[in-house]
């Protein structure tokens, strides 16, 4: 946890807003994942059950509004709706991955620039005592390692949110 606090301290206020924005996108992604998983059970029920209106009377007004379609039409409609949700989820998760990669690249660029600027502002004696290749390596590789760790944290956060969402959905649907 201390490492995350240090990383947060190293980020600029603009990057703090970017982290909050990414977290919001992760929450939306979690909701889409929950919707995708949550639609599987009703679709399976719709396929297996012959008369859905008699088993689930709460759906009868909806079925009446749709014109009391037969089971085949309901299954086709449900599968098309599921396909729409999956396509939306895939497009959104692709957008999320692009935003995360873009954010990581901006942080990498910012950290490298700040470290390089710090090296340039050092007195001449500092550069006489240090190997320039080591300074360049620090500005490139060490920052890459730091942003790689940040990418891993974002991935863990995303997957943890999805896991939490699916577990919450399972507890809501089948608490026992």
N, C-alpha and C. Protein backbone atom coordinates (compact mmCIF):
# COMPACT_ATOMS: atom_id res chain seq x y z
N UNK A 1 0.82 -1.19 0.00
CA UNK A 1 0.00 0.00 0.00
C UNK A 1 0.86 1.26 0.00
N UNK A 2 2.01 1.19 0.63
CA UNK A 2 2.91 2.33 0.69
C UNK A 2 3.40 2.71 -0.69
N UNK A 3 3.64 1.71 -1.55
CA UNK A 3 4.09 1.98 -2.91
C UNK A 3 3.03 2.71 -3.72
N UNK A 4 1.78 2.36 -3.53
CA UNK A 4 0.69 3.04 -4.24
C UNK A 4 0.59 4.49 -3.79
N UNK A 5 0.79 4.73 -2.48
CA UNK A 5 0.75 6.11 -1.98
C UNK A 5 1.91 6.93 -2.56
N UNK A 6 3.07 6.33 -2.67
CA UNK A 6 4.21 7.04 -3.26
C UNK A 6 3.94 7.34 -4.73
N UNK A 7 3.39 6.38 -5.44
CA UNK A 7 3.07 6.59 -6.85
C UNK A 7 2.03 7.70 -6.99
N UNK A 8 1.02 7.70 -6.12
CA UNK A 8 -0.01 8.75 -6.16
C UNK A 8 0.63 10.12 -5.92
N UNK A 9 1.59 10.19 -5.01
CA UNK A 9 2.27 11.44 -4.71
C UNK A 9 3.08 11.93 -5.91
N UNK A 10 3.61 11.02 -6.69
CA UNK A 10 4.43 11.39 -7.84
C UNK A 10 3.60 11.86 -9.03
N UNK A 11 2.32 11.54 -9.05
CA UNK A 11 1.47 11.96 -10.17
C UNK A 11 1.10 13.43 -10.04
N UNK A 12 0.86 14.05 -11.18
CA UNK A 12 0.43 15.45 -11.21
C UNK A 12 -1.08 15.52 -10.94
N UNK A 13 -1.60 16.69 -10.60
CA UNK A 13 -3.06 16.81 -10.40
C UNK A 13 -3.87 16.40 -11.63
N UNK A 14 -3.37 16.69 -12.82
CA UNK A 14 -4.06 16.26 -14.04
C UNK A 14 -4.11 14.73 -14.11
N UNK A 15 -3.01 14.10 -13.73
CA UNK A 15 -2.96 12.64 -13.74
C UNK A 15 -3.85 12.06 -12.65
N UNK A 16 -4.01 12.77 -11.53
CA UNK A 16 -4.95 12.32 -10.49
C UNK A 16 -6.36 12.26 -11.06
N UNK A 17 -6.74 13.29 -11.81
CA UNK A 17 -8.07 13.29 -12.45
C UNK A 17 -8.17 12.15 -13.46
N UNK A 18 -7.07 11.87 -14.15
CA UNK A 18 -7.07 10.75 -15.10
C UNK A 18 -7.28 9.42 -14.40
N UNK A 19 -6.68 9.25 -13.23
CA UNK A 19 -6.87 8.01 -12.46
C UNK A 19 -8.33 7.87 -12.04
N UNK A 20 -8.91 8.96 -11.58
CA UNK A 20 -10.32 8.93 -11.16
C UNK A 20 -11.22 8.64 -12.36
N UNK A 21 -10.92 9.24 -13.51
CA UNK A 21 -11.67 8.96 -14.73
C UNK A 21 -11.56 7.49 -15.12
N UNK A 22 -10.35 6.94 -15.05
CA UNK A 22 -10.16 5.52 -15.37
C UNK A 22 -10.92 4.63 -14.40
N UNK A 23 -10.94 5.01 -13.12
CA UNK A 23 -11.69 4.22 -12.14
C UNK A 23 -13.18 4.23 -12.46
N UNK A 24 -13.69 5.38 -12.88
CA UNK A 24 -15.09 5.45 -13.30
C UNK A 24 -15.35 4.55 -14.50
N UNK A 25 -14.44 4.56 -15.47
CA UNK A 25 -14.58 3.67 -16.63
C UNK A 25 -14.53 2.20 -16.20
N UNK A 26 -13.69 1.89 -15.21
CA UNK A 26 -13.61 0.52 -14.71
C UNK A 26 -14.93 0.10 -14.08
N UNK A 27 -15.58 1.01 -13.37
CA UNK A 27 -16.88 0.71 -12.77
C UNK A 27 -17.93 0.44 -13.84
N UNK A 28 -17.91 1.23 -14.91
CA UNK A 28 -18.84 0.99 -16.02
C UNK A 28 -18.55 -0.36 -16.67
N UNK A 29 -17.27 -0.68 -16.84
CA UNK A 29 -16.89 -1.99 -17.38
C UNK A 29 -17.37 -3.12 -16.49
N UNK A 30 -17.27 -2.92 -15.18
CA UNK A 30 -17.76 -3.93 -14.24
C UNK A 30 -19.26 -4.13 -14.41
N UNK A 31 -19.99 -3.04 -14.56
CA UNK A 31 -21.44 -3.14 -14.73
C UNK A 31 -21.79 -3.88 -16.03
N UNK A 32 -21.04 -3.60 -17.09
CA UNK A 32 -21.29 -4.31 -18.35
C UNK A 32 -20.96 -5.79 -18.24
N UNK A 33 -19.90 -6.12 -17.53
CA UNK A 33 -19.57 -7.54 -17.31
C UNK A 33 -20.67 -8.22 -16.51
N UNK A 34 -21.17 -7.53 -15.48
CA UNK A 34 -22.25 -8.10 -14.67
C UNK A 34 -23.51 -8.30 -15.53
N UNK A 35 -23.81 -7.34 -16.39
CA UNK A 35 -24.97 -7.47 -17.27
C UNK A 35 -24.82 -8.65 -18.22
N UNK A 36 -23.61 -8.79 -18.78
CA UNK A 36 -23.37 -9.91 -19.69
C UNK A 36 -23.53 -11.26 -19.01
N UNK A 37 -22.98 -11.39 -17.81
CA UNK A 37 -23.11 -12.65 -17.07
C UNK A 37 -24.55 -12.83 -16.58
N UNK A 38 -25.16 -11.75 -16.14
CA UNK A 38 -26.52 -11.82 -15.61
C UNK A 38 -27.56 -12.17 -16.65
N UNK A 39 -27.31 -11.91 -17.92
CA UNK A 39 -28.27 -12.24 -18.97
C UNK A 39 -28.23 -13.71 -19.38
N UNK A 40 -27.19 -14.40 -19.00
CA UNK A 40 -27.07 -15.81 -19.40
C UNK A 40 -28.19 -16.64 -18.78
N UNK A 41 -28.46 -16.44 -17.49
CA UNK A 41 -29.46 -17.25 -16.80
C UNK A 41 -30.88 -17.02 -17.34
N UNK A 42 -31.31 -15.79 -17.57
CA UNK A 42 -32.65 -15.61 -18.15
C UNK A 42 -32.76 -16.19 -19.56
N UNK A 43 -31.70 -16.10 -20.34
CA UNK A 43 -31.75 -16.66 -21.69
C UNK A 43 -31.85 -18.18 -21.64
N UNK A 44 -31.08 -18.80 -20.75
CA UNK A 44 -31.18 -20.26 -20.59
C UNK A 44 -32.57 -20.66 -20.12
N UNK A 45 -33.13 -19.90 -19.19
CA UNK A 45 -34.48 -20.18 -18.72
C UNK A 45 -35.47 -20.05 -19.87
N UNK A 46 -35.31 -19.02 -20.68
CA UNK A 46 -36.20 -18.81 -21.82
C UNK A 46 -36.11 -19.96 -22.82
N UNK A 47 -34.92 -20.51 -23.01
CA UNK A 47 -34.74 -21.62 -23.95
C UNK A 47 -35.35 -22.90 -23.39
N UNK A 48 -35.17 -23.14 -22.09
CA UNK A 48 -35.59 -24.40 -21.48
C UNK A 48 -37.10 -24.44 -21.21
N UNK A 49 -37.66 -23.36 -20.70
CA UNK A 49 -39.07 -23.32 -20.32
C UNK A 49 -39.95 -23.14 -21.55
N UNK A 50 -41.08 -23.88 -21.58
CA UNK A 50 -42.00 -23.76 -22.70
C UNK A 50 -42.91 -22.54 -22.58
N UNK A 51 -43.53 -22.38 -21.42
CA UNK A 51 -44.46 -21.27 -21.23
C UNK A 51 -43.90 -20.36 -20.13
N UNK A 52 -43.20 -19.36 -20.53
CA UNK A 52 -42.52 -18.49 -19.58
C UNK A 52 -43.51 -17.62 -18.80
N UNK A 53 -44.66 -17.28 -19.42
CA UNK A 53 -45.65 -16.40 -18.77
C UNK A 53 -46.29 -17.07 -17.58
N UNK A 54 -46.51 -18.38 -17.67
CA UNK A 54 -47.16 -19.08 -16.55
C UNK A 54 -46.17 -19.29 -15.39
N UNK A 55 -44.88 -19.50 -15.71
CA UNK A 55 -43.88 -19.70 -14.66
C UNK A 55 -43.47 -18.39 -13.99
N UNK A 56 -43.49 -17.30 -14.75
CA UNK A 56 -43.09 -15.99 -14.24
C UNK A 56 -44.18 -14.97 -14.57
N UNK A 57 -45.21 -14.88 -13.73
CA UNK A 57 -46.33 -13.99 -14.04
C UNK A 57 -45.95 -12.51 -14.07
N UNK A 58 -44.82 -12.15 -13.48
CA UNK A 58 -44.39 -10.76 -13.50
C UNK A 58 -44.03 -10.30 -14.92
N UNK A 59 -43.71 -11.27 -15.79
CA UNK A 59 -43.34 -10.95 -17.17
C UNK A 59 -44.55 -10.83 -18.10
N UNK A 60 -45.72 -11.19 -17.62
CA UNK A 60 -46.91 -11.20 -18.48
C UNK A 60 -47.24 -9.83 -19.08
N UNK A 61 -47.18 -8.71 -18.31
CA UNK A 61 -47.45 -7.41 -18.95
C UNK A 61 -46.45 -7.08 -20.06
N UNK A 62 -45.19 -7.45 -19.87
CA UNK A 62 -44.18 -7.20 -20.89
C UNK A 62 -44.48 -8.03 -22.14
N UNK A 63 -44.84 -9.29 -21.93
CA UNK A 63 -45.17 -10.16 -23.07
C UNK A 63 -46.41 -9.66 -23.79
N UNK A 64 -47.40 -9.15 -23.05
CA UNK A 64 -48.60 -8.60 -23.68
C UNK A 64 -48.24 -7.37 -24.51
N UNK A 65 -47.36 -6.54 -24.00
CA UNK A 65 -46.94 -5.34 -24.73
C UNK A 65 -46.20 -5.71 -26.01
N UNK A 66 -45.50 -6.84 -25.99
CA UNK A 66 -44.78 -7.31 -27.19
C UNK A 66 -45.68 -8.06 -28.16
N UNK A 67 -46.95 -8.27 -27.79
CA UNK A 67 -47.88 -8.97 -28.67
C UNK A 67 -47.89 -10.47 -28.47
N UNK A 68 -47.56 -10.95 -27.32
CA UNK A 68 -47.52 -12.39 -26.98
C UNK A 68 -46.81 -13.22 -28.06
N UNK A 69 -45.51 -12.96 -28.28
CA UNK A 69 -44.77 -13.75 -29.26
C UNK A 69 -44.57 -15.18 -28.78
N UNK A 70 -44.37 -16.08 -29.74
CA UNK A 70 -44.12 -17.48 -29.35
C UNK A 70 -42.69 -17.60 -28.82
N UNK A 71 -42.37 -18.78 -28.30
CA UNK A 71 -41.08 -18.99 -27.65
C UNK A 71 -39.92 -18.79 -28.62
N UNK A 72 -40.05 -19.23 -29.83
CA UNK A 72 -38.98 -19.08 -30.82
C UNK A 72 -38.61 -17.62 -31.05
N UNK A 73 -39.63 -16.76 -31.18
CA UNK A 73 -39.37 -15.34 -31.39
C UNK A 73 -38.74 -14.71 -30.14
N UNK A 74 -39.20 -15.16 -28.96
CA UNK A 74 -38.61 -14.65 -27.72
C UNK A 74 -37.14 -15.02 -27.60
N UNK A 75 -36.81 -16.25 -27.97
CA UNK A 75 -35.42 -16.70 -27.91
C UNK A 75 -34.57 -15.90 -28.89
N UNK A 76 -35.08 -15.69 -30.09
CA UNK A 76 -34.33 -14.90 -31.09
C UNK A 76 -34.13 -13.47 -30.59
N UNK A 77 -35.18 -12.87 -30.05
CA UNK A 77 -35.07 -11.51 -29.52
C UNK A 77 -34.06 -11.46 -28.37
N UNK A 78 -34.13 -12.44 -27.48
CA UNK A 78 -33.21 -12.47 -26.33
C UNK A 78 -31.76 -12.65 -26.79
N UNK A 79 -31.55 -13.50 -27.78
CA UNK A 79 -30.19 -13.72 -28.28
C UNK A 79 -29.66 -12.47 -28.98
N UNK A 80 -30.52 -11.76 -29.72
CA UNK A 80 -30.09 -10.51 -30.35
C UNK A 80 -29.77 -9.45 -29.29
N UNK A 81 -30.58 -9.40 -28.25
CA UNK A 81 -30.31 -8.46 -27.15
C UNK A 81 -28.99 -8.82 -26.48
N UNK A 82 -28.76 -10.10 -26.26
CA UNK A 82 -27.51 -10.55 -25.65
C UNK A 82 -26.32 -10.21 -26.54
N UNK A 83 -26.48 -10.41 -27.85
CA UNK A 83 -25.42 -10.05 -28.79
C UNK A 83 -25.13 -8.55 -28.73
N UNK A 84 -26.16 -7.75 -28.64
CA UNK A 84 -25.98 -6.30 -28.52
C UNK A 84 -25.22 -5.94 -27.25
N UNK A 85 -25.56 -6.59 -26.14
CA UNK A 85 -24.87 -6.32 -24.87
C UNK A 85 -23.40 -6.74 -24.97
N UNK A 86 -23.15 -7.90 -25.56
CA UNK A 86 -21.77 -8.38 -25.68
C UNK A 86 -20.95 -7.47 -26.60
N UNK A 87 -21.54 -7.04 -27.71
CA UNK A 87 -20.82 -6.12 -28.60
C UNK A 87 -20.53 -4.79 -27.92
N UNK A 88 -21.50 -4.28 -27.18
CA UNK A 88 -21.30 -3.04 -26.43
C UNK A 88 -20.20 -3.22 -25.41
N UNK A 89 -20.22 -4.36 -24.72
CA UNK A 89 -19.20 -4.64 -23.70
C UNK A 89 -17.82 -4.72 -24.33
N UNK A 90 -17.70 -5.40 -25.46
CA UNK A 90 -16.40 -5.54 -26.12
C UNK A 90 -15.88 -4.18 -26.58
N UNK A 91 -16.77 -3.38 -27.18
CA UNK A 91 -16.35 -2.05 -27.62
C UNK A 91 -15.93 -1.18 -26.44
N UNK A 92 -16.69 -1.24 -25.37
CA UNK A 92 -16.35 -0.43 -24.20
C UNK A 92 -15.05 -0.89 -23.56
N UNK A 93 -14.86 -2.20 -23.42
CA UNK A 93 -13.62 -2.70 -22.82
C UNK A 93 -12.41 -2.40 -23.70
N UNK A 94 -12.61 -2.37 -25.01
CA UNK A 94 -11.53 -1.95 -25.91
C UNK A 94 -11.20 -0.48 -25.68
N UNK A 95 -12.24 0.35 -25.53
CA UNK A 95 -12.03 1.77 -25.23
C UNK A 95 -11.31 1.93 -23.89
N UNK A 96 -11.70 1.14 -22.89
CA UNK A 96 -11.06 1.19 -21.58
C UNK A 96 -9.58 0.82 -21.68
N UNK A 97 -9.27 -0.23 -22.41
CA UNK A 97 -7.87 -0.64 -22.58
C UNK A 97 -7.08 0.45 -23.30
N UNK A 98 -7.68 1.09 -24.30
CA UNK A 98 -7.01 2.17 -25.00
C UNK A 98 -6.76 3.35 -24.06
N UNK A 99 -7.74 3.69 -23.24
CA UNK A 99 -7.58 4.79 -22.29
C UNK A 99 -6.48 4.48 -21.27
N UNK A 100 -6.45 3.24 -20.80
CA UNK A 100 -5.42 2.85 -19.84
C UNK A 100 -4.03 2.92 -20.47
N UNK A 101 -3.90 2.44 -21.70
CA UNK A 101 -2.60 2.50 -22.38
C UNK A 101 -2.19 3.95 -22.65
N UNK A 102 -3.14 4.77 -23.04
CA UNK A 102 -2.87 6.19 -23.29
C UNK A 102 -2.43 6.88 -22.00
N UNK A 103 -3.11 6.59 -20.90
CA UNK A 103 -2.75 7.17 -19.61
C UNK A 103 -1.34 6.72 -19.20
N UNK A 104 -1.06 5.45 -19.37
CA UNK A 104 0.25 4.91 -19.01
C UNK A 104 1.36 5.56 -19.84
N UNK A 105 1.10 5.77 -21.12
CA UNK A 105 2.09 6.42 -21.98
C UNK A 105 2.33 7.86 -21.54
N UNK A 106 1.27 8.56 -21.18
CA UNK A 106 1.43 9.95 -20.72
C UNK A 106 2.22 10.01 -19.41
N UNK A 107 1.96 9.07 -18.52
CA UNK A 107 2.71 9.04 -17.25
C UNK A 107 4.18 8.72 -17.53
N UNK A 108 4.42 7.75 -18.40
CA UNK A 108 5.79 7.40 -18.77
C UNK A 108 6.53 8.61 -19.34
N UNK A 109 5.88 9.31 -20.25
CA UNK A 109 6.50 10.49 -20.87
C UNK A 109 6.78 11.57 -19.83
N UNK A 110 5.80 11.79 -18.94
CA UNK A 110 5.95 12.82 -17.92
C UNK A 110 7.07 12.49 -16.95
N UNK A 111 7.11 11.24 -16.47
CA UNK A 111 8.15 10.83 -15.53
C UNK A 111 9.53 10.90 -16.17
N UNK A 112 9.65 10.44 -17.41
CA UNK A 112 10.94 10.48 -18.11
C UNK A 112 11.40 11.92 -18.28
N UNK A 113 10.49 12.79 -18.67
CA UNK A 113 10.83 14.20 -18.86
C UNK A 113 11.27 14.84 -17.55
N UNK A 114 10.53 14.56 -16.48
CA UNK A 114 10.88 15.14 -15.18
C UNK A 114 12.23 14.64 -14.69
N UNK A 115 12.51 13.35 -14.86
CA UNK A 115 13.80 12.80 -14.42
C UNK A 115 14.94 13.36 -15.28
N UNK A 116 14.71 13.44 -16.58
CA UNK A 116 15.73 13.98 -17.47
C UNK A 116 16.02 15.45 -17.14
N UNK A 117 14.94 16.22 -16.88
CA UNK A 117 15.11 17.62 -16.49
C UNK A 117 15.88 17.73 -15.18
N UNK A 118 15.59 16.84 -14.25
CA UNK A 118 16.30 16.84 -12.97
C UNK A 118 17.79 16.58 -13.19
N UNK A 119 18.11 15.65 -14.08
CA UNK A 119 19.51 15.37 -14.39
C UNK A 119 20.18 16.58 -15.04
N UNK A 120 19.47 17.25 -15.93
CA UNK A 120 20.07 18.40 -16.62
C UNK A 120 20.33 19.57 -15.68
N UNK A 121 19.59 19.68 -14.63
CA UNK A 121 19.75 20.79 -13.71
C UNK A 121 20.80 20.53 -12.63
N UNK A 122 21.39 19.36 -12.65
CA UNK A 122 22.44 19.05 -11.68
C UNK A 122 23.72 19.80 -12.04
N UNK A 123 24.56 20.07 -11.06
CA UNK A 123 25.83 20.76 -11.36
C UNK A 123 26.76 19.88 -12.20
N UNK A 124 27.73 20.53 -12.79
CA UNK A 124 28.67 19.83 -13.68
C UNK A 124 29.40 18.71 -12.94
N UNK A 125 29.73 18.90 -11.68
CA UNK A 125 30.44 17.88 -10.90
C UNK A 125 29.61 16.59 -10.78
N UNK A 126 28.32 16.72 -10.73
CA UNK A 126 27.45 15.54 -10.67
C UNK A 126 27.66 14.67 -11.91
N UNK A 127 27.75 15.29 -13.07
CA UNK A 127 27.91 14.54 -14.31
C UNK A 127 29.32 13.97 -14.47
N UNK A 128 30.30 14.61 -13.85
CA UNK A 128 31.65 14.07 -13.90
C UNK A 128 31.77 12.79 -13.08
N UNK A 129 30.95 12.65 -12.04
CA UNK A 129 31.01 11.49 -11.16
C UNK A 129 30.09 10.36 -11.61
N UNK A 130 29.23 10.60 -12.56
CA UNK A 130 28.26 9.58 -12.98
C UNK A 130 28.49 9.19 -14.43
N UNK A 131 28.18 7.97 -14.74
CA UNK A 131 28.24 7.48 -16.10
C UNK A 131 26.96 7.93 -16.82
N UNK A 132 27.12 8.57 -17.97
CA UNK A 132 25.95 9.09 -18.69
C UNK A 132 25.03 7.95 -19.16
N UNK A 133 25.58 6.80 -19.45
CA UNK A 133 24.75 5.66 -19.86
C UNK A 133 23.83 5.22 -18.72
N UNK A 134 24.34 5.29 -17.51
CA UNK A 134 23.51 4.93 -16.35
C UNK A 134 22.38 5.94 -16.16
N UNK A 135 22.65 7.20 -16.38
CA UNK A 135 21.61 8.22 -16.27
C UNK A 135 20.53 8.03 -17.33
N UNK A 136 20.95 7.73 -18.54
CA UNK A 136 19.98 7.48 -19.62
C UNK A 136 19.17 6.23 -19.32
N UNK A 137 19.85 5.19 -18.81
CA UNK A 137 19.13 3.97 -18.45
C UNK A 137 18.08 4.26 -17.38
N UNK A 138 18.45 5.08 -16.39
CA UNK A 138 17.48 5.43 -15.36
C UNK A 138 16.28 6.15 -15.96
N UNK A 139 16.56 7.08 -16.86
CA UNK A 139 15.47 7.86 -17.45
C UNK A 139 14.58 7.00 -18.33
N UNK A 140 15.10 5.91 -18.85
CA UNK A 140 14.29 5.07 -19.74
C UNK A 140 13.77 3.81 -19.03
N UNK A 141 14.66 2.97 -18.56
CA UNK A 141 14.27 1.66 -18.05
C UNK A 141 13.59 1.72 -16.68
N UNK A 142 14.09 2.54 -15.80
CA UNK A 142 13.50 2.59 -14.46
C UNK A 142 12.08 3.17 -14.53
N UNK A 143 11.91 4.16 -15.37
CA UNK A 143 10.57 4.73 -15.54
C UNK A 143 9.65 3.70 -16.21
N UNK A 144 10.18 2.93 -17.14
CA UNK A 144 9.37 1.88 -17.78
C UNK A 144 8.94 0.84 -16.75
N UNK A 145 9.85 0.49 -15.84
CA UNK A 145 9.48 -0.45 -14.78
C UNK A 145 8.40 0.11 -13.87
N UNK A 146 8.49 1.39 -13.58
CA UNK A 146 7.49 2.04 -12.73
C UNK A 146 6.12 2.07 -13.41
N UNK A 147 6.10 2.44 -14.68
CA UNK A 147 4.82 2.48 -15.39
C UNK A 147 4.29 1.06 -15.63
N UNK A 148 5.19 0.09 -15.77
CA UNK A 148 4.74 -1.30 -15.87
C UNK A 148 4.06 -1.75 -14.60
N UNK A 149 4.62 -1.37 -13.46
CA UNK A 149 3.97 -1.68 -12.19
C UNK A 149 2.62 -0.99 -12.08
N UNK A 150 2.54 0.24 -12.58
CA UNK A 150 1.28 0.97 -12.57
C UNK A 150 0.25 0.28 -13.47
N UNK A 151 0.70 -0.21 -14.63
CA UNK A 151 -0.20 -0.96 -15.51
C UNK A 151 -0.73 -2.22 -14.82
N UNK A 152 0.15 -2.89 -14.09
CA UNK A 152 -0.27 -4.09 -13.36
C UNK A 152 -1.30 -3.74 -12.29
N UNK A 153 -1.09 -2.63 -11.61
CA UNK A 153 -2.07 -2.20 -10.60
C UNK A 153 -3.42 -1.90 -11.23
N UNK A 154 -3.40 -1.25 -12.40
CA UNK A 154 -4.67 -0.96 -13.09
C UNK A 154 -5.36 -2.25 -13.51
N UNK A 155 -4.59 -3.22 -13.98
CA UNK A 155 -5.17 -4.50 -14.40
C UNK A 155 -5.76 -5.23 -13.20
N UNK A 156 -5.04 -5.24 -12.09
CA UNK A 156 -5.55 -5.89 -10.88
C UNK A 156 -6.82 -5.19 -10.41
N UNK A 157 -6.84 -3.87 -10.45
CA UNK A 157 -8.03 -3.12 -10.03
C UNK A 157 -9.21 -3.45 -10.93
N UNK A 158 -8.99 -3.50 -12.23
CA UNK A 158 -10.07 -3.81 -13.16
C UNK A 158 -10.61 -5.21 -12.92
N UNK A 159 -9.74 -6.18 -12.83
CA UNK A 159 -10.18 -7.56 -12.64
C UNK A 159 -10.81 -7.76 -11.27
N UNK A 160 -10.32 -7.07 -10.25
CA UNK A 160 -10.91 -7.17 -8.91
C UNK A 160 -12.32 -6.61 -8.89
N UNK A 161 -12.51 -5.49 -9.60
CA UNK A 161 -13.85 -4.92 -9.68
C UNK A 161 -14.81 -5.87 -10.39
N UNK A 162 -14.35 -6.49 -11.47
CA UNK A 162 -15.20 -7.45 -12.19
C UNK A 162 -15.52 -8.64 -11.29
N UNK A 163 -14.52 -9.15 -10.59
CA UNK A 163 -14.74 -10.27 -9.67
C UNK A 163 -15.74 -9.89 -8.59
N UNK A 164 -15.56 -8.72 -7.99
CA UNK A 164 -16.49 -8.25 -6.96
C UNK A 164 -17.91 -8.11 -7.52
N UNK A 165 -18.02 -7.55 -8.72
CA UNK A 165 -19.33 -7.38 -9.33
C UNK A 165 -20.03 -8.70 -9.61
N UNK A 166 -19.29 -9.67 -10.13
CA UNK A 166 -19.89 -10.97 -10.44
C UNK A 166 -20.26 -11.71 -9.16
N UNK A 167 -19.41 -11.61 -8.13
CA UNK A 167 -19.76 -12.22 -6.84
C UNK A 167 -21.00 -11.57 -6.24
N UNK A 168 -21.10 -10.25 -6.34
CA UNK A 168 -22.29 -9.55 -5.84
C UNK A 168 -23.52 -9.99 -6.61
N UNK A 169 -23.38 -10.15 -7.92
CA UNK A 169 -24.50 -10.61 -8.74
C UNK A 169 -24.92 -12.02 -8.34
N UNK A 170 -23.94 -12.89 -8.12
CA UNK A 170 -24.27 -14.27 -7.71
C UNK A 170 -24.95 -14.28 -6.34
N UNK A 171 -24.48 -13.46 -5.42
CA UNK A 171 -25.10 -13.40 -4.09
C UNK A 171 -26.52 -12.83 -4.18
N UNK A 172 -26.75 -11.92 -5.11
CA UNK A 172 -28.09 -11.35 -5.29
C UNK A 172 -29.04 -12.36 -5.91
N UNK A 173 -28.57 -13.10 -6.92
CA UNK A 173 -29.42 -14.06 -7.61
C UNK A 173 -29.66 -15.30 -6.77
N UNK A 174 -28.60 -15.83 -6.19
CA UNK A 174 -28.69 -17.07 -5.40
C UNK A 174 -27.94 -16.87 -4.10
N UNK A 175 -28.59 -16.28 -3.07
CA UNK A 175 -27.87 -15.95 -1.83
C UNK A 175 -27.36 -17.17 -1.06
N UNK A 176 -28.00 -18.29 -1.21
CA UNK A 176 -27.58 -19.48 -0.48
C UNK A 176 -26.49 -20.16 -1.28
